[in-house]
Amino acid sequence: MLHAEEKDYKTSYSYFFEAFEQFSALDDPLAVKALAYMLLCKIMTNNTDDVTSIVNTKGGLKHAGAETEAMKAVAKAHINRSLKAFEEALSTYKEQLGNDPIIQTHLKALYSTLMEQNLCRLIEPYSRVEVSHLAGLMELPLKTVENKLSQMILDKKFAGILDQVRHHLTSPPPPPIV
């Protein structure tokens, strides 16, 4: 868990894998938690295709249930880069995803990253766009999108100017080709 907190998901995965094997051999119910954490590590490292492979192994099938289905839904939303599907997974599997503080912490970070990726993808073709248009495309409240854009600009993840009076986002033109 400490490695995951430090965003060293590969090392964290290996420890969760070892824990999963041992708990599974003992038929301990903690095997399901270790499996969920393994899947979370794969999602956080953008190896979401591995989630299905892991779930379909002998050990994964042995512990199939709501925990693994919840992580598969998050992985699918991540693959599709869909905030709406991500939010649906969070509401559908509220008990599995919301009650575990470890999973909840990492899913908040994943949601933030997913939102940033979506915004960058939507902004890319425009030199100037209304924030309400972006909010409509993302199916999110205007204030949420505005706050995220402000945060991205301040964190230097996006170079642009946010006009909060007119609710426009202006992107600087690309540098000239020399």
Protein backbone atom coordinates (compact mmCIF):
# COMPACT_ATOMS: atom_id res chain seq x y z
CA MET A 1 0.00 0.00 0.00
CA LEU A 2 2.91 2.33 0.73
CA HIS A 3 4.34 1.80 -2.74
CA ALA A 4 0.94 2.61 -4.26
CA GLU A 5 0.76 5.78 -2.19
CA GLU A 6 4.14 6.76 -3.62
CA LYS A 7 2.77 5.99 -7.12
CA ASP A 8 5.15 3.05 -7.55
CA TYR A 9 2.38 0.86 -8.90
CA LYS A 10 4.64 -1.79 -10.46
CA THR A 11 6.27 -2.64 -7.14
CA SER A 12 2.92 -2.39 -5.41
CA TYR A 13 1.42 -4.81 -7.93
CA SER A 14 4.11 -7.40 -7.23
CA TYR A 15 3.47 -7.25 -3.48
CA PHE A 16 -0.29 -7.48 -3.96
CA PHE A 17 0.26 -10.42 -6.31
CA GLU A 18 2.27 -12.25 -3.66
CA ALA A 19 -0.40 -11.49 -1.06
CA PHE A 20 -3.12 -12.67 -3.46
CA GLU A 21 -1.37 -15.98 -4.09
CA GLN A 22 -0.89 -16.66 -0.37
CA PHE A 23 -4.42 -15.61 0.67
CA SER A 24 -5.90 -17.56 -2.23
CA ALA A 25 -3.99 -20.71 -1.24
CA LEU A 26 -5.41 -20.36 2.28
CA ASP A 27 -8.93 -19.58 0.99
CA ASP A 28 -8.75 -16.36 2.99
CA PRO A 29 -11.35 -13.72 2.04
CA LEU A 30 -8.53 -11.14 1.92
CA ALA A 31 -7.56 -12.67 -1.45
CA VAL A 32 -10.40 -10.69 -3.05
CA LYS A 33 -9.03 -7.42 -1.63
CA ALA A 34 -5.52 -8.24 -2.85
CA LEU A 35 -6.96 -9.04 -6.29
CA ALA A 36 -8.83 -5.72 -6.37
CA TYR A 37 -5.65 -3.86 -5.44
CA MET A 38 -3.74 -5.72 -8.16
CA LEU A 39 -6.32 -4.64 -10.71
CA LEU A 40 -6.18 -1.07 -9.42
CA CYS A 41 -2.40 -1.04 -9.92
CA LYS A 42 -2.83 -2.22 -13.51
CA ILE A 43 -5.38 0.54 -14.16
CA MET A 44 -3.17 3.21 -12.60
CA THR A 45 -0.23 2.19 -14.84
CA ASN A 46 -2.43 2.35 -17.97
CA ASN A 47 -2.22 -1.42 -18.39
CA THR A 48 -5.99 -1.75 -18.43
CA ASP A 49 -5.93 -4.56 -20.98
CA ASP A 50 -4.26 -6.73 -18.32
CA VAL A 51 -7.32 -6.38 -16.05
CA THR A 52 -9.42 -8.72 -18.18
CA SER A 53 -6.53 -11.18 -18.48
CA ILE A 54 -6.03 -11.28 -14.71
CA VAL A 55 -9.74 -11.65 -14.00
CA ASN A 56 -9.97 -14.54 -16.49
CA THR A 57 -7.13 -16.53 -14.89
CA LYS A 58 -7.88 -19.53 -12.68
CA GLY A 59 -7.25 -17.47 -9.53
CA GLY A 60 -9.27 -14.53 -10.84
CA LEU A 61 -12.26 -16.69 -11.74
CA LYS A 62 -12.10 -18.35 -8.31
CA HIS A 63 -12.61 -14.94 -6.68
CA ALA A 64 -14.98 -13.41 -9.24
CA GLY A 65 -17.64 -11.17 -7.80
CA ALA A 66 -18.68 -7.60 -7.24
CA GLU A 67 -15.11 -6.47 -6.37
CA THR A 68 -13.68 -7.69 -9.67
CA GLU A 69 -16.70 -6.47 -11.65
CA ALA A 70 -16.25 -3.01 -10.13
CA MET A 71 -12.60 -2.88 -11.16
CA LYS A 72 -13.48 -4.16 -14.66
CA ALA A 73 -16.02 -1.33 -15.00
CA VAL A 74 -13.39 1.24 -13.96
CA ALA A 75 -10.90 -0.29 -16.41
CA LYS A 76 -13.43 -0.13 -19.23
CA ALA A 77 -14.17 3.53 -18.46
CA HIS A 78 -10.43 4.24 -18.41
CA ILE A 79 -9.88 2.49 -21.76
CA ASN A 80 -12.71 4.51 -23.31
CA ARG A 81 -11.53 7.68 -21.53
CA SER A 82 -15.14 8.21 -20.52
CA LEU A 83 -15.88 10.28 -17.43
CA LYS A 84 -19.54 9.38 -17.69
CA ALA A 85 -18.79 5.64 -17.65
CA PHE A 86 -16.35 6.23 -14.78
CA GLU A 87 -19.02 8.03 -12.74
CA GLU A 88 -21.53 5.27 -13.57
CA ALA A 89 -19.06 2.66 -12.31
CA LEU A 90 -18.59 4.65 -9.09
CA SER A 91 -22.34 4.86 -8.49
CA THR A 92 -23.09 1.26 -9.54
CA TYR A 93 -20.33 -0.19 -7.39
CA LYS A 94 -20.51 2.35 -4.58
CA GLU A 95 -20.03 -0.24 -1.86
CA GLN A 96 -16.98 -1.85 -3.48
CA LEU A 97 -15.28 1.37 -4.65
CA GLY A 98 -16.46 3.94 -2.13
CA ASN A 99 -16.01 2.04 1.12
CA ASP A 100 -12.36 1.19 0.62
CA PRO A 101 -10.16 4.21 1.44
CA ILE A 102 -7.21 2.86 -0.58
CA ILE A 103 -9.24 2.37 -3.74
CA GLN A 104 -11.11 5.62 -3.19
CA THR A 105 -7.89 7.66 -2.93
CA HIS A 106 -6.45 6.29 -6.16
CA LEU A 107 -9.73 6.57 -8.04
CA LYS A 108 -9.89 10.28 -7.16
CA ALA A 109 -6.45 10.74 -8.73
CA LEU A 110 -7.53 8.66 -11.74
CA TYR A 111 -10.70 10.74 -12.14
CA SER A 112 -8.65 13.94 -12.11
CA THR A 113 -6.23 12.57 -14.71
CA LEU A 114 -9.09 11.31 -16.86
CA MET A 115 -10.78 14.71 -16.71
CA GLU A 116 -7.54 16.46 -17.73
CA GLN A 117 -7.07 14.08 -20.66
CA ASN A 118 -10.65 14.62 -21.80
CA LEU A 119 -10.34 18.39 -21.56
CA CYS A 120 -7.08 18.45 -23.51
CA ARG A 121 -8.58 16.22 -26.20
CA LEU A 122 -11.66 18.45 -26.51
CA ILE A 123 -9.71 21.74 -26.45
CA GLU A 124 -7.12 20.68 -29.02
CA PRO A 125 -8.98 21.68 -32.22
CA TYR A 126 -9.92 25.13 -30.89
CA SER A 127 -8.02 28.37 -30.47
CA ARG A 128 -10.98 29.76 -28.53
CA VAL A 129 -13.90 27.84 -27.08
CA GLU A 130 -16.76 28.53 -24.70
CA VAL A 131 -16.36 26.70 -21.42
CA SER A 132 -20.10 25.92 -21.47
CA HIS A 133 -19.55 24.03 -24.75
CA LEU A 134 -16.82 21.93 -23.12
CA ALA A 135 -19.04 21.33 -20.09
CA GLY A 136 -21.86 20.22 -22.39
CA LEU A 137 -19.62 17.82 -24.28
CA MET A 138 -18.34 16.35 -21.03
CA GLU A 139 -21.78 16.34 -19.41
CA LEU A 140 -20.40 18.09 -16.34
CA PRO A 141 -21.42 21.28 -14.51
CA LEU A 142 -19.89 24.50 -15.86
CA LYS A 143 -18.29 25.34 -12.50
CA THR A 144 -16.55 21.93 -12.33
CA VAL A 145 -15.03 22.37 -15.78
CA GLU A 146 -14.03 25.97 -15.05
CA ASN A 147 -12.33 24.95 -11.81
CA LYS A 148 -10.45 22.11 -13.49
CA LEU A 149 -9.28 24.38 -16.33
CA SER A 150 -8.09 26.96 -13.79
CA GLN A 151 -6.20 24.28 -11.92
CA MET A 152 -4.63 22.94 -15.14
CA ILE A 153 -3.48 26.44 -16.15
CA LEU A 154 -2.02 27.15 -12.71
CA ASP A 155 -0.27 23.77 -12.67
CA LYS A 156 1.11 24.51 -16.15
CA LYS A 157 -0.56 21.42 -17.58
CA PHE A 158 -2.27 23.61 -20.16
CA ALA A 159 -1.13 26.92 -21.63
CA GLY A 160 -4.17 29.09 -22.08
CA ILE A 161 -6.17 32.01 -20.80
CA LEU A 162 -9.46 31.49 -19.03
CA ASP A 163 -11.81 34.48 -19.32
CA GLN A 164 -14.17 33.95 -16.40
CA VAL A 165 -16.32 36.95 -17.35
CA ARG A 166 -17.13 35.72 -20.87
CA HIS A 167 -16.57 32.03 -19.96
CA HIS A 168 -14.11 31.51 -22.84
CA LEU A 169 -10.89 29.58 -22.97
CA THR A 170 -8.26 30.88 -25.35
CA SER A 171 -5.35 28.70 -26.39
CA PRO A 172 -2.15 30.28 -27.58
CA PRO A 173 -1.32 29.64 -31.23
CA PRO A 174 1.23 26.93 -31.93
CA PRO A 175 4.82 28.13 -32.34
CA PRO A 176 5.80 28.95 -35.92
CA ILE A 177 7.64 26.30 -37.87
CA VAL A 178 11.19 27.43 -38.51
